[in-house]
């Protein structure tokens, strides 16, 4: 599989398998094992998803060596802060049964609308993650749902720059996210895209379906390829082996400039990206 290189010179697979809404159960273990067998080498989870234990079980049972897999998880929002971050990371590592995590992210920034000391909370959280990185327990550090405001604030105290910012991105909201994409790219933060299919809504677009017919591909493959051509890692999720296989089959075609421009300027068909300034999650 194609890899991208992060700003710390470590490599990350160009497509990740998303696990949002997959429950903590034996079926999820099997789903992740199926994904690995189909060729996925990057698995994305979070404490909030409640399935870290299943992800870890699948990794331990996998026929693929651990060092060939890239495992990402995220700090639960209620555990921000220096000591809480250390404790929750230890919990995650223990539940997953792993010796290290390839990418650990702050799931959401502590935001100015909900915390008077938001800058200090985010800085303390990051400082704890830097300690874990220095101890060899985390290979790369990242953030998720960070806008420019929170990235700028984090830069003031961080010793290690974020390698990744994971954001909501799919055709139809590109224009709303374009300034953030350009900012992250300009500062060397690799972007990963959750909900790259707009929770399925984008797949019904006449424009996407027409482009898919032109290339002999599925609408989902067009959306995922669009992400890749922007240098953004998509995180598709599917429990169906055939769809897992299709979502990896993206490297035998290239969208032309006209089609990329058309997709860039599509009207929104999915959900708008949520702004940390007006939402707070546990």
Protein backbone atom coordinates (compact mmCIF):
# COMPACT_ATOMS: atom_id res chain seq x y z
CA UNK A 1 0.00 0.00 0.00
CA UNK A 2 1.08 3.57 -0.66
CA UNK A 3 2.43 5.42 2.39
CA UNK A 4 2.63 9.10 3.28
CA UNK A 5 5.50 10.60 5.28
CA UNK A 6 4.68 12.68 8.35
CA UNK A 7 6.68 15.67 9.57
CA UNK A 8 8.62 13.41 11.97
CA UNK A 9 9.74 11.34 8.95
CA UNK A 10 7.69 8.33 10.05
CA UNK A 11 5.49 6.69 7.44
CA UNK A 12 1.73 6.18 7.65
CA UNK A 13 -0.46 4.09 5.30
CA UNK A 14 -2.43 6.21 2.82
CA UNK A 15 -5.77 4.59 3.78
CA UNK A 16 -6.92 3.76 7.30
CA UNK A 17 -9.71 1.49 8.48
CA UNK A 18 -12.14 3.44 10.66
CA UNK A 19 -13.87 1.79 13.64
CA UNK A 20 -16.35 4.46 14.76
CA UNK A 21 -19.65 2.88 15.88
CA UNK A 22 -18.21 -0.63 15.90
CA UNK A 23 -19.14 -2.14 19.29
CA UNK A 24 -16.75 -3.88 21.65
CA UNK A 25 -17.54 -7.49 20.76
CA UNK A 26 -16.18 -10.61 19.00
CA UNK A 27 -17.82 -9.52 15.73
CA UNK A 28 -15.75 -6.34 15.74
CA UNK A 29 -12.58 -8.35 16.33
CA UNK A 30 -13.47 -10.42 13.25
CA UNK A 31 -14.29 -7.31 11.21
CA UNK A 32 -10.87 -5.82 11.94
CA UNK A 33 -9.17 -9.15 11.20
CA UNK A 34 -11.00 -9.22 7.86
CA UNK A 35 -9.79 -5.69 7.12
CA UNK A 36 -6.19 -6.64 7.86
CA UNK A 37 -6.46 -9.74 5.68
CA UNK A 38 -7.79 -7.59 2.83
CA UNK A 39 -4.74 -5.35 3.06
CA UNK A 40 -5.45 -2.58 5.57
CA UNK A 41 -2.40 -1.78 7.65
CA UNK A 42 -3.72 1.26 9.52
CA UNK A 43 -6.51 0.96 12.12
CA UNK A 44 -8.09 4.03 13.72
CA UNK A 45 -10.00 3.96 17.01
CA UNK A 46 -10.60 6.15 20.08
CA UNK A 47 -11.43 5.81 23.76
CA UNK A 48 -14.78 7.44 22.95
CA UNK A 49 -15.65 4.59 20.57
CA UNK A 50 -15.52 2.06 23.40
CA UNK A 51 -13.89 -0.61 21.24
CA UNK A 52 -10.17 -0.31 22.02
CA UNK A 53 -10.23 -3.74 23.65
CA UNK A 54 -11.59 -5.34 20.46
CA UNK A 55 -9.08 -3.48 18.29
CA UNK A 56 -6.25 -4.72 20.49
CA UNK A 57 -7.55 -8.30 20.39
CA UNK A 58 -7.63 -8.19 16.59
CA UNK A 59 -4.07 -6.83 16.45
CA UNK A 60 -2.80 -9.59 18.73
CA UNK A 61 -4.58 -12.27 16.67
CA UNK A 62 -3.51 -10.81 13.34
CA UNK A 63 -1.33 -12.86 10.99
CA UNK A 64 0.47 -9.59 10.15
CA UNK A 65 3.39 -8.64 12.39
CA UNK A 66 2.74 -5.78 14.83
CA UNK A 67 5.53 -3.64 13.38
CA UNK A 68 3.81 -3.76 9.99
CA UNK A 69 0.60 -2.28 11.42
CA UNK A 70 -0.15 1.35 12.24
CA UNK A 71 -2.51 1.74 15.22
CA UNK A 72 -4.06 5.08 16.13
CA UNK A 73 -6.26 5.94 19.10
CA UNK A 74 -7.44 9.11 20.81
CA UNK A 75 -7.68 10.52 24.32
CA UNK A 76 -11.15 10.67 25.83
CA UNK A 77 -12.25 14.29 26.22
CA UNK A 78 -13.05 13.91 29.93
CA UNK A 79 -9.43 12.90 30.53
CA UNK A 80 -7.66 16.01 29.23
CA UNK A 81 -4.93 17.42 31.46
CA UNK A 82 -1.47 16.18 32.41
CA UNK A 83 -2.14 13.48 35.01
CA UNK A 84 -5.45 12.39 33.47
CA UNK A 85 -3.82 11.94 30.06
CA UNK A 86 -1.09 9.72 31.53
CA UNK A 87 -3.68 7.60 33.33
CA UNK A 88 -5.99 7.23 30.36
CA UNK A 89 -3.18 6.35 27.99
CA UNK A 90 -2.06 3.64 30.42
CA UNK A 91 -5.64 2.34 30.49
CA UNK A 92 -5.82 2.28 26.69
CA UNK A 93 -2.48 0.52 26.30
CA UNK A 94 -3.46 -2.07 28.92
CA UNK A 95 -6.89 -2.71 27.41
CA UNK A 96 -5.44 -3.04 23.93
CA UNK A 97 -2.63 -5.29 25.17
CA UNK A 98 -0.05 -3.44 23.09
CA UNK A 99 3.46 -2.24 23.89
CA UNK A 100 3.14 1.06 22.03
CA UNK A 101 0.72 3.16 19.96
CA UNK A 102 1.75 4.46 16.55
CA UNK A 103 -0.37 7.62 16.71
CA UNK A 104 -2.07 9.11 19.77
CA UNK A 105 -4.36 12.09 19.35
CA UNK A 106 -6.26 14.63 21.42
CA UNK A 107 -9.79 13.82 20.23
CA UNK A 108 -11.15 17.38 20.67
CA UNK A 109 -9.48 20.51 21.97
CA UNK A 110 -10.64 22.01 25.23
CA UNK A 111 -12.42 24.99 23.72
CA UNK A 112 -12.60 28.65 24.69
CA UNK A 113 -16.41 28.63 24.95
CA UNK A 114 -16.41 25.89 27.59
CA UNK A 115 -13.15 26.33 29.52
CA UNK A 116 -11.66 29.55 30.87
CA UNK A 117 -8.24 27.88 31.02
CA UNK A 118 -8.54 26.07 27.68
CA UNK A 119 -5.03 26.94 26.53
CA UNK A 120 -3.49 25.52 29.70
CA UNK A 121 -5.60 22.34 29.50
CA UNK A 122 -4.52 21.65 25.93
CA UNK A 123 -0.89 22.52 26.71
CA UNK A 124 -0.84 20.21 29.76
CA UNK A 125 -2.44 17.41 27.76
CA UNK A 126 0.15 17.79 25.03
CA UNK A 127 3.00 17.89 27.56
CA UNK A 128 1.86 14.53 28.95
CA UNK A 129 1.74 13.10 25.42
CA UNK A 130 5.25 14.39 24.77
CA UNK A 131 6.43 12.56 27.87
CA UNK A 132 4.85 9.32 26.63
CA UNK A 133 6.48 9.90 23.25
CA UNK A 134 9.88 10.40 24.88
CA UNK A 135 9.37 7.15 26.81
CA UNK A 136 8.79 5.30 23.53
CA UNK A 137 5.15 4.46 24.24
CA UNK A 138 3.83 6.69 21.43
CA UNK A 139 5.57 6.87 18.05
CA UNK A 140 3.74 9.97 16.70
CA UNK A 141 1.55 12.66 18.26
CA UNK A 142 -1.53 14.17 16.69
CA UNK A 143 -4.74 16.09 17.20
CA UNK A 144 -8.28 15.74 15.93
CA UNK A 145 -10.92 18.40 15.24
CA UNK A 146 -8.41 21.21 15.87
CA UNK A 147 -9.07 24.45 14.03
CA UNK A 148 -6.35 27.01 13.33
CA UNK A 149 -7.12 28.80 16.59
CA UNK A 150 -6.26 25.75 18.68
CA UNK A 151 -3.28 24.74 16.57
CA UNK A 152 -1.82 28.24 16.92
CA UNK A 153 -2.27 28.14 20.69
CA UNK A 154 -0.70 24.68 20.96
CA UNK A 155 2.37 25.82 19.01
CA UNK A 156 3.24 28.30 21.77
CA UNK A 157 4.22 25.57 24.24
CA UNK A 158 4.68 22.37 22.22
CA UNK A 159 8.15 20.88 21.87
CA UNK A 160 6.90 18.34 19.32
CA UNK A 161 4.71 19.50 16.45
CA UNK A 162 1.53 17.53 15.73
CA UNK A 163 2.14 15.04 12.94
CA UNK A 164 -1.56 14.70 12.08
CA UNK A 165 -4.83 16.60 12.36
CA UNK A 166 -7.88 14.39 11.86
CA UNK A 167 -10.89 16.34 10.60
CA UNK A 168 -14.34 15.78 9.14
CA UNK A 169 -14.01 15.93 5.37
CA UNK A 170 -16.04 14.68 2.41
CA UNK A 171 -17.17 16.09 -0.95
CA UNK A 172 -19.52 18.98 -0.32
CA UNK A 173 -17.73 20.49 2.69
CA UNK A 174 -14.31 20.97 1.10
CA UNK A 175 -14.86 24.70 0.63
CA UNK A 176 -15.79 25.08 4.31
CA UNK A 177 -12.60 23.31 5.34
CA UNK A 178 -10.30 24.68 2.64
CA UNK A 179 -8.63 27.35 4.77
CA UNK A 180 -7.92 24.81 7.52
CA UNK A 181 -6.58 22.33 4.95
CA UNK A 182 -4.26 24.98 3.51
CA UNK A 183 -3.12 26.02 6.99
CA UNK A 184 -2.31 22.43 8.03
CA UNK A 185 -0.56 21.68 4.77
CA UNK A 186 1.49 24.85 5.08
CA UNK A 187 2.59 23.94 8.60
CA UNK A 188 3.43 20.32 7.79
CA UNK A 189 0.47 18.70 9.55
CA UNK A 190 -0.79 15.68 7.61
CA UNK A 191 -4.58 15.54 7.38
CA UNK A 192 -6.73 12.47 7.84
CA UNK A 193 -10.43 12.52 6.95
CA UNK A 194 -13.14 10.89 9.00
CA UNK A 195 -16.59 10.42 7.44
CA UNK A 196 -15.03 10.65 3.95
CA UNK A 197 -18.30 9.42 2.42
CA UNK A 198 -20.46 11.93 4.29
CA UNK A 199 -22.12 9.14 6.28
CA UNK A 200 -23.23 7.73 2.91
CA UNK A 201 -25.14 10.81 1.77
CA UNK A 202 -22.55 11.81 -0.84
CA UNK A 203 -22.85 8.44 -2.56
CA UNK A 204 -26.31 9.45 -3.83
CA UNK A 205 -24.99 12.55 -5.59
CA UNK A 206 -25.73 12.59 -9.32
CA UNK A 207 -22.35 14.27 -9.92
CA UNK A 208 -20.42 11.63 -7.96
CA UNK A 209 -22.36 8.81 -9.64
CA UNK A 210 -21.66 10.28 -13.08
CA UNK A 211 -17.93 10.56 -12.35
CA UNK A 212 -17.93 7.00 -11.00
CA UNK A 213 -19.49 5.73 -14.22
CA UNK A 214 -16.86 7.59 -16.25
CA UNK A 215 -13.99 5.83 -14.48
CA UNK A 216 -15.71 2.48 -14.02
CA UNK A 217 -15.52 2.82 -10.25
CA UNK A 218 -17.99 3.03 -7.37
CA UNK A 219 -19.10 6.38 -5.91
CA UNK A 220 -17.25 5.49 -2.71
CA UNK A 221 -14.03 4.90 -4.63
CA UNK A 222 -14.37 8.32 -6.26
CA UNK A 223 -14.74 10.04 -2.87
CA UNK A 224 -11.77 8.20 -1.40
CA UNK A 225 -9.57 8.87 -4.42
CA UNK A 226 -10.50 12.55 -4.24
CA UNK A 227 -9.13 12.61 -0.67
CA UNK A 228 -5.91 10.89 -1.70
CA UNK A 229 -5.31 13.30 -4.58
CA UNK A 230 -5.54 16.15 -2.10
CA UNK A 231 -2.87 14.42 -0.01
CA UNK A 232 -5.40 13.52 2.68
CA UNK A 233 -5.75 10.06 4.24
CA UNK A 234 -9.36 8.79 4.19
CA UNK A 235 -10.77 6.60 6.98
CA UNK A 236 -13.52 4.50 5.38
CA UNK A 237 -15.41 2.00 7.50
CA UNK A 238 -17.25 -1.11 6.34
CA UNK A 239 -18.12 -4.48 7.83
CA UNK A 240 -18.53 -6.01 4.35
CA UNK A 241 -15.43 -7.69 2.95
CA UNK A 242 -16.27 -6.77 -0.65
CA UNK A 243 -16.58 -3.09 0.25
CA UNK A 244 -13.36 -3.25 2.27
CA UNK A 245 -11.70 -4.58 -0.85
CA UNK A 246 -13.21 -1.88 -3.08
CA UNK A 247 -12.15 0.87 -0.69
CA UNK A 248 -8.52 -0.19 -1.13
CA UNK A 249 -8.75 -0.49 -4.90
CA UNK A 250 -7.85 3.13 -5.63
CA UNK A 251 -4.46 3.06 -7.30
CA UNK A 252 -5.23 2.17 -10.91
CA UNK A 253 -6.88 5.47 -11.89
CA UNK A 254 -6.47 9.23 -11.44
CA UNK A 255 -9.23 11.83 -11.34
CA UNK A 256 -8.60 14.55 -13.91
CA UNK A 257 -8.43 18.26 -13.01
CA UNK A 258 -11.96 18.95 -14.17
CA UNK A 259 -13.45 16.22 -12.01
CA UNK A 260 -11.39 17.26 -8.98
CA UNK A 261 -12.63 20.84 -9.43
CA UNK A 262 -16.22 19.67 -9.76
CA UNK A 263 -16.00 17.62 -6.56
CA UNK A 264 -14.23 20.46 -4.72
CA UNK A 265 -17.15 22.78 -5.46
CA UNK A 266 -20.06 20.43 -4.83
CA UNK A 267 -22.91 21.66 -2.67
CA UNK A 268 -23.03 20.00 0.73
CA UNK A 269 -24.93 16.71 0.85
CA UNK A 270 -23.67 15.44 4.19
CA UNK A 271 -23.21 16.96 7.62
CA UNK A 272 -21.32 20.18 8.28
CA UNK A 273 -18.06 19.84 10.23
CA UNK A 274 -18.63 20.51 13.91
CA UNK A 275 -16.71 23.41 15.40
CA UNK A 276 -15.10 22.91 18.83
CA UNK A 277 -16.06 26.50 19.69
CA UNK A 278 -19.74 25.56 19.90
CA UNK A 279 -19.76 21.90 20.87
CA UNK A 280 -18.35 19.93 23.77
CA UNK A 281 -18.24 16.14 23.92
CA UNK A 282 -17.48 13.77 26.75
